[in-house]
Amino acid sequence: QQTGEAISRLLTPAELGEFDQQRGLNGNTF
C-alpha cells in the first residue's frame, strides 16, 4: 500500500496510462 502510493506519485501520465487496463480491479492500483 505504502510503496505503491509513493511510486505512483512519481509516474508520468504516460506511465500511469500503462496501468489503465488493470487499475482498480480488486482495489489495486500499482
All heavy atoms as atom14 arrays in JSON, in Angstrom:
{
  "sequence": "QQTGEAISRLLTPAELGEFDQQRGLNGNTF",
  "atom14_mask": [
    [1, 1, 1, 1, 1, 1, 1, 1, 1, 0, 0, 0, 0, 0],
    [1, 1, 1, 1, 1, 1, 1, 1, 1, 0, 0, 0, 0, 0],
    [1, 1, 1, 1, 1, 1, 1, 0, 0, 0, 0, 0, 0, 0],
    [1, 1, 1, 1, 0, 0, 0, 0, 0, 0, 0, 0, 0, 0],
    [1, 1, 1, 1, 1, 1, 1, 1, 1, 0, 0, 0, 0, 0],
    [1, 1, 1, 1, 1, 0, 0, 0, 0, 0, 0, 0, 0, 0],
    [1, 1, 1, 1, 1, 1, 1, 1, 0, 0, 0, 0, 0, 0],
    [1, 1, 1, 1, 1, 1, 0, 0, 0, 0, 0, 0, 0, 0],
    [1, 1, 1, 1, 1, 1, 1, 1, 1, 1, 1, 0, 0, 0],
    [1, 1, 1, 1, 1, 1, 1, 1, 0, 0, 0, 0, 0, 0],
    [1, 1, 1, 1, 1, 1, 1, 1, 0, 0, 0, 0, 0, 0],
    [1, 1, 1, 1, 1, 1, 1, 0, 0, 0, 0, 0, 0, 0],
    [1, 1, 1, 1, 1, 1, 1, 0, 0, 0, 0, 0, 0, 0],
    [1, 1, 1, 1, 1, 0, 0, 0, 0, 0, 0, 0, 0, 0],
    [1, 1, 1, 1, 1, 1, 1, 1, 1, 0, 0, 0, 0, 0],
    [1, 1, 1, 1, 1, 1, 1, 1, 0, 0, 0, 0, 0, 0],
    [1, 1, 1, 1, 0, 0, 0, 0, 0, 0, 0, 0, 0, 0],
    [1, 1, 1, 1, 1, 1, 1, 1, 1, 0, 0, 0, 0, 0],
    [1, 1, 1, 1, 1, 1, 1, 1, 1, 1, 1, 0, 0, 0],
    [1, 1, 1, 1, 1, 1, 1, 1, 0, 0, 0, 0, 0, 0],
    [1, 1, 1, 1, 1, 1, 1, 1, 1, 0, 0, 0, 0, 0],
    [1, 1, 1, 1, 1, 1, 1, 1, 1, 0, 0, 0, 0, 0],
    [1, 1, 1, 1, 1, 1, 1, 1, 1, 1, 1, 0, 0, 0],
    [1, 1, 1, 1, 0, 0, 0, 0, 0, 0, 0, 0, 0, 0],
    [1, 1, 1, 1, 1, 1, 1, 1, 0, 0, 0, 0, 0, 0],
    [1, 1, 1, 1, 1, 1, 1, 1, 0, 0, 0, 0, 0, 0],
    [1, 1, 1, 1, 0, 0, 0, 0, 0, 0, 0, 0, 0, 0],
    [1, 1, 1, 1, 1, 1, 1, 1, 0, 0, 0, 0, 0, 0],
    [1, 1, 1, 1, 1, 1, 1, 0, 0, 0, 0, 0, 0, 0],
    [1, 1, 1, 1, 1, 1, 1, 1, 1, 1, 1, 0, 0, 0]
  ],
  "atom14_positions": [
    [[0.84, -1.2, 0.0], [0.0, 0.0, 0.0], [0.87, 1.25, 0.0], [0.69, 2.15, -0.83], [-0.92, 0.02, 1.22], [-1.78, 1.27, 1.28], [-2.61, 1.34, 2.56], [-2.46, 0.54, 3.47], [-3.49, 2.32, 2.62], [0.0, 0.0, 0.0], [0.0, 0.0, 0.0], [0.0, 0.0, 0.0], [0.0, 0.0, 0.0], [0.0, 0.0, 0.0]],
    [[1.82, 1.3, 0.92], [2.66, 2.5, 1.06], [3.6, 2.7, -0.13], [3.72, 3.81, -0.64], [3.48, 2.42, 2.36], [2.65, 2.39, 3.61], [1.89, 3.68, 3.81], [2.45, 4.76, 3.72], [0.6, 3.58, 4.07], [0.0, 0.0, 0.0], [0.0, 0.0, 0.0], [0.0, 0.0, 0.0], [0.0, 0.0, 0.0], [0.0, 0.0, 0.0]],
    [[4.27, 1.64, -0.58], [5.2, 1.8, -1.7], [4.45, 2.07, -3.0], [4.9, 2.86, -3.83], [6.12, 0.57, -1.85], [5.33, -0.6, -2.08], [7.01, 0.4, -0.64], [0.0, 0.0, 0.0], [0.0, 0.0, 0.0], [0.0, 0.0, 0.0], [0.0, 0.0, 0.0], [0.0, 0.0, 0.0], [0.0, 0.0, 0.0], [0.0, 0.0, 0.0]],
    [[3.3, 1.43, -3.18], [2.5, 1.67, -4.38], [2.07, 3.12, -4.49], [2.15, 3.74, -5.55], [0.0, 0.0, 0.0], [0.0, 0.0, 0.0], [0.0, 0.0, 0.0], [0.0, 0.0, 0.0], [0.0, 0.0, 0.0], [0.0, 0.0, 0.0], [0.0, 0.0, 0.0], [0.0, 0.0, 0.0], [0.0, 0.0, 0.0], [0.0, 0.0, 0.0]],
    [[1.61, 3.68, -3.37], [1.21, 5.09, -3.37], [2.4, 6.0, -3.64], [2.3, 6.95, -4.42], [0.57, 5.45, -2.02], [-0.81, 4.84, -1.82], [-1.35, 5.03, -0.41], [-0.7, 5.69, 0.42], [-2.45, 4.51, -0.15], [0.0, 0.0, 0.0], [0.0, 0.0, 0.0], [0.0, 0.0, 0.0], [0.0, 0.0, 0.0], [0.0, 0.0, 0.0]],
    [[3.53, 5.71, -3.01], [4.72, 6.55, -3.17], [5.23, 6.52, -4.61], [5.53, 7.57, -5.19], [5.81, 6.11, -2.21], [0.0, 0.0, 0.0], [0.0, 0.0, 0.0], [0.0, 0.0, 0.0], [0.0, 0.0, 0.0], [0.0, 0.0, 0.0], [0.0, 0.0, 0.0], [0.0, 0.0, 0.0], [0.0, 0.0, 0.0], [0.0, 0.0, 0.0]],
    [[5.33, 5.36, -5.19], [5.85, 5.25, -6.56], [4.84, 5.8, -7.56], [5.23, 6.48, -8.53], [6.22, 3.79, -6.89], [7.33, 3.28, -5.94], [6.67, 3.66, -8.35], [8.62, 4.05, -5.95], [0.0, 0.0, 0.0], [0.0, 0.0, 0.0], [0.0, 0.0, 0.0], [0.0, 0.0, 0.0], [0.0, 0.0, 0.0], [0.0, 0.0, 0.0]],
    [[3.57, 5.56, -7.36], [2.54, 6.06, -8.29], [2.6, 7.57, -8.44], [2.37, 8.11, -9.53], [1.15, 5.63, -7.84], [1.0, 4.24, -7.99], [0.0, 0.0, 0.0], [0.0, 0.0, 0.0], [0.0, 0.0, 0.0], [0.0, 0.0, 0.0], [0.0, 0.0, 0.0], [0.0, 0.0, 0.0], [0.0, 0.0, 0.0], [0.0, 0.0, 0.0]],
    [[2.92, 8.27, -7.35], [3.02, 9.74, -7.4], [4.16, 10.21, -8.31], [4.16, 11.35, -8.77], [3.2, 10.31, -6.0], [1.95, 10.29, -5.16], [2.12, 11.12, -3.89], [3.07, 10.56, -2.96], [2.77, 9.71, -1.97], [1.51, 9.33, -1.78], [3.69, 9.25, -1.18], [0.0, 0.0, 0.0], [0.0, 0.0, 0.0], [0.0, 0.0, 0.0]],
    [[5.13, 9.34, -8.55], [6.3, 9.71, -9.35], [6.17, 9.34, -10.83], [7.02, 9.7, -11.64], [7.55, 9.01, -8.77], [7.87, 9.3, -7.31], [9.04, 8.46, -6.84], [8.15, 10.79, -7.11], [0.0, 0.0, 0.0], [0.0, 0.0, 0.0], [0.0, 0.0, 0.0], [0.0, 0.0, 0.0], [0.0, 0.0, 0.0], [0.0, 0.0, 0.0]],
    [[5.12, 8.62, -11.18], [4.93, 8.18, -12.56], [4.41, 9.31, -13.43], [3.63, 10.14, -12.98], [3.95, 7.01, -12.61], [4.39, 5.72, -11.9], [3.25, 4.71, -11.91], [5.64, 5.13, -12.54], [0.0, 0.0, 0.0], [0.0, 0.0, 0.0], [0.0, 0.0, 0.0], [0.0, 0.0, 0.0], [0.0, 0.0, 0.0], [0.0, 0.0, 0.0]],
    [[4.86, 9.33, -14.67], [4.35, 10.3, -15.64], [2.95, 9.88, -16.06], [2.56, 8.72, -15.86], [5.26, 10.34, -16.88], [5.16, 9.09, -17.55], [6.71, 10.66, -16.52], [0.0, 0.0, 0.0], [0.0, 0.0, 0.0], [0.0, 0.0, 0.0], [0.0, 0.0, 0.0], [0.0, 0.0, 0.0], [0.0, 0.0, 0.0], [0.0, 0.0, 0.0]],
    [[2.18, 10.77, -16.66], [0.86, 10.38, -17.17], [0.93, 9.19, -18.14], [0.08, 8.3, -18.1], [0.34, 11.65, -17.85], [1.0, 12.76, -17.09], [2.37, 12.24, -16.77], [0.0, 0.0, 0.0], [0.0, 0.0, 0.0], [0.0, 0.0, 0.0], [0.0, 0.0, 0.0], [0.0, 0.0, 0.0], [0.0, 0.0, 0.0], [0.0, 0.0, 0.0]],
    [[1.93, 9.17, -18.99], [2.09, 8.04, -19.93], [2.36, 6.74, -19.18], [1.81, 5.69, -19.52], [3.2, 8.33, -20.92], [0.0, 0.0, 0.0], [0.0, 0.0, 0.0], [0.0, 0.0, 0.0], [0.0, 0.0, 0.0], [0.0, 0.0, 0.0], [0.0, 0.0, 0.0], [0.0, 0.0, 0.0], [0.0, 0.0, 0.0], [0.0, 0.0, 0.0]],
    [[3.2, 6.81, -18.15], [3.5, 5.6, -17.35], [2.25, 5.15, -16.6], [1.96, 3.96, -16.54], [4.65, 5.88, -16.37], [5.99, 6.03, -17.06], [7.08, 6.61, -16.17], [6.76, 7.34, -15.21], [8.25, 6.33, -16.45], [0.0, 0.0, 0.0], [0.0, 0.0, 0.0], [0.0, 0.0, 0.0], [0.0, 0.0, 0.0], [0.0, 0.0, 0.0]],
    [[1.51, 6.09, -16.04], [0.26, 5.75, -15.36], [-0.74, 5.09, -16.32], [-1.48, 4.19, -15.95], [-0.38, 6.98, -14.73], [0.22, 7.45, -13.41], [-0.33, 8.82, -13.04], [-0.03, 6.45, -12.31], [0.0, 0.0, 0.0], [0.0, 0.0, 0.0], [0.0, 0.0, 0.0], [0.0, 0.0, 0.0], [0.0, 0.0, 0.0], [0.0, 0.0, 0.0]],
    [[-0.74, 5.56, -17.57], [-1.64, 5.01, -18.57], [-1.42, 3.54, -18.83], [-2.34, 2.83, -19.25], [0.0, 0.0, 0.0], [0.0, 0.0, 0.0], [0.0, 0.0, 0.0], [0.0, 0.0, 0.0], [0.0, 0.0, 0.0], [0.0, 0.0, 0.0], [0.0, 0.0, 0.0], [0.0, 0.0, 0.0], [0.0, 0.0, 0.0], [0.0, 0.0, 0.0]],
    [[-0.21, 3.05, -18.58], [0.08, 1.62, -18.79], [-0.7, 0.74, -17.82], [-0.85, -0.45, -18.04], [1.59, 1.37, -18.65], [2.4, 2.02, -19.75], [3.88, 1.73, -19.6], [4.24, 0.55, -19.45], [4.67, 2.7, -19.62], [0.0, 0.0, 0.0], [0.0, 0.0, 0.0], [0.0, 0.0, 0.0], [0.0, 0.0, 0.0], [0.0, 0.0, 0.0]],
    [[-1.18, 1.33, -16.75], [-1.93, 0.59, -15.74], [-3.43, 0.58, -16.0], [-4.17, -0.11, -15.31], [-1.7, 1.2, -14.34], [-0.34, 0.96, -13.78], [0.72, 1.8, -14.09], [-0.11, -0.1, -12.92], [1.98, 1.58, -13.57], [1.15, -0.32, -12.38], [2.19, 0.52, -12.71], [0.0, 0.0, 0.0], [0.0, 0.0, 0.0], [0.0, 0.0, 0.0]],
    [[-3.89, 1.35, -16.96], [-5.32, 1.58, -17.14], [-6.16, 0.31, -17.26], [-7.27, 0.25, -16.75], [-5.58, 2.49, -18.33], [-5.24, 3.94, -18.03], [-5.06, 4.26, -16.83], [-5.15, 4.74, -18.97], [0.0, 0.0, 0.0], [0.0, 0.0, 0.0], [0.0, 0.0, 0.0], [0.0, 0.0, 0.0], [0.0, 0.0, 0.0], [0.0, 0.0, 0.0]],
    [[-5.64, -0.69, -17.94], [-6.44, -1.9, -18.15], [-6.76, -2.61, -16.84], [-7.83, -3.19, -16.67], [-5.72, -2.84, -19.1], [-6.55, -4.06, -19.46], [-5.86, -4.92, -20.5], [-4.77, -4.64, -20.95], [-6.51, -6.0, -20.87], [0.0, 0.0, 0.0], [0.0, 0.0, 0.0], [0.0, 0.0, 0.0], [0.0, 0.0, 0.0], [0.0, 0.0, 0.0]],
    [[-5.84, -2.58, -15.89], [-5.99, -3.35, -14.66], [-6.3, -2.51, -13.43], [-6.72, -3.04, -12.41], [-4.72, -4.15, -14.38], [-4.44, -5.23, -15.39], [-5.44, -6.35, -15.29], [-5.78, -6.79, -14.21], [-5.94, -6.8, -16.41], [0.0, 0.0, 0.0], [0.0, 0.0, 0.0], [0.0, 0.0, 0.0], [0.0, 0.0, 0.0], [0.0, 0.0, 0.0]],
    [[-6.08, -1.21, -13.5], [-6.21, -0.36, -12.33], [-7.59, -0.46, -11.69], [-8.6, -0.41, -12.36], [-5.94, 1.09, -12.68], [-5.85, 1.97, -11.44], [-5.6, 3.37, -11.83], [-4.8, 3.33, -13.03], [-3.91, 4.24, -13.34], [-3.72, 5.25, -12.59], [-3.21, 4.15, -14.45], [0.0, 0.0, 0.0], [0.0, 0.0, 0.0], [0.0, 0.0, 0.0]],
    [[-7.59, -0.61, -10.39], [-8.84, -0.63, -9.66], [-9.47, -2.0, -9.49], [-10.32, -2.18, -8.64], [0.0, 0.0, 0.0], [0.0, 0.0, 0.0], [0.0, 0.0, 0.0], [0.0, 0.0, 0.0], [0.0, 0.0, 0.0], [0.0, 0.0, 0.0], [0.0, 0.0, 0.0], [0.0, 0.0, 0.0], [0.0, 0.0, 0.0], [0.0, 0.0, 0.0]],
    [[-9.06, -2.99, -10.27], [-9.6, -4.33, -10.08], [-9.14, -4.83, -8.72], [-7.97, -4.72, -8.36], [-9.11, -5.27, -11.18], [-9.58, -4.95, -12.6], [-8.96, -5.94, -13.58], [-11.09, -5.0, -12.69], [0.0, 0.0, 0.0], [0.0, 0.0, 0.0], [0.0, 0.0, 0.0], [0.0, 0.0, 0.0], [0.0, 0.0, 0.0], [0.0, 0.0, 0.0]],
    [[-10.03, -5.37, -7.94], [-9.72, -5.84, -6.59], [-9.14, -4.73, -5.71], [-8.43, -4.99, -4.75], [-8.74, -7.02, -6.62], [-9.31, -8.19, -7.35], [-10.49, -8.49, -7.23], [-8.49, -8.85, -8.14], [0.0, 0.0, 0.0], [0.0, 0.0, 0.0], [0.0, 0.0, 0.0], [0.0, 0.0, 0.0], [0.0, 0.0, 0.0], [0.0, 0.0, 0.0]],
    [[-9.37, -3.48, -6.07], [-8.88, -2.37, -5.26], [-7.41, -2.06, -5.47], [-6.84, -1.26, -4.74], [0.0, 0.0, 0.0], [0.0, 0.0, 0.0], [0.0, 0.0, 0.0], [0.0, 0.0, 0.0], [0.0, 0.0, 0.0], [0.0, 0.0, 0.0], [0.0, 0.0, 0.0], [0.0, 0.0, 0.0], [0.0, 0.0, 0.0], [0.0, 0.0, 0.0]],
    [[-6.77, -2.68, -6.45], [-5.34, -2.49, -6.66], [-5.08, -1.39, -7.69], [-5.8, -1.26, -8.67], [-4.7, -3.79, -7.13], [-4.84, -4.87, -6.09], [-4.64, -4.62, -4.91], [-5.2, -6.06, -6.5], [0.0, 0.0, 0.0], [0.0, 0.0, 0.0], [0.0, 0.0, 0.0], [0.0, 0.0, 0.0], [0.0, 0.0, 0.0], [0.0, 0.0, 0.0]],
    [[-4.03, -0.64, -7.45], [-3.68, 0.43, -8.37], [-2.23, 0.35, -8.84], [-1.88, 0.96, -9.83], [-3.91, 1.81, -7.73], [-3.13, 1.89, -6.52], [-5.37, 2.04, -7.41], [0.0, 0.0, 0.0], [0.0, 0.0, 0.0], [0.0, 0.0, 0.0], [0.0, 0.0, 0.0], [0.0, 0.0, 0.0], [0.0, 0.0, 0.0], [0.0, 0.0, 0.0]],
    [[-1.36, -0.36, -8.15], [0.05, -0.45, -8.54], [0.57, -1.89, -8.51], [1.11, -2.37, -9.49], [0.93, 0.43, -7.63], [2.36, 0.48, -8.09], [2.72, 1.35, -9.11], [3.32, -0.33, -7.53], [4.04, 1.39, -9.56], [4.63, -0.3, -7.97], [5.0, 0.57, -8.99], [0.0, 0.0, 0.0], [0.0, 0.0, 0.0], [0.0, 0.0, 0.0]]
  ]
}
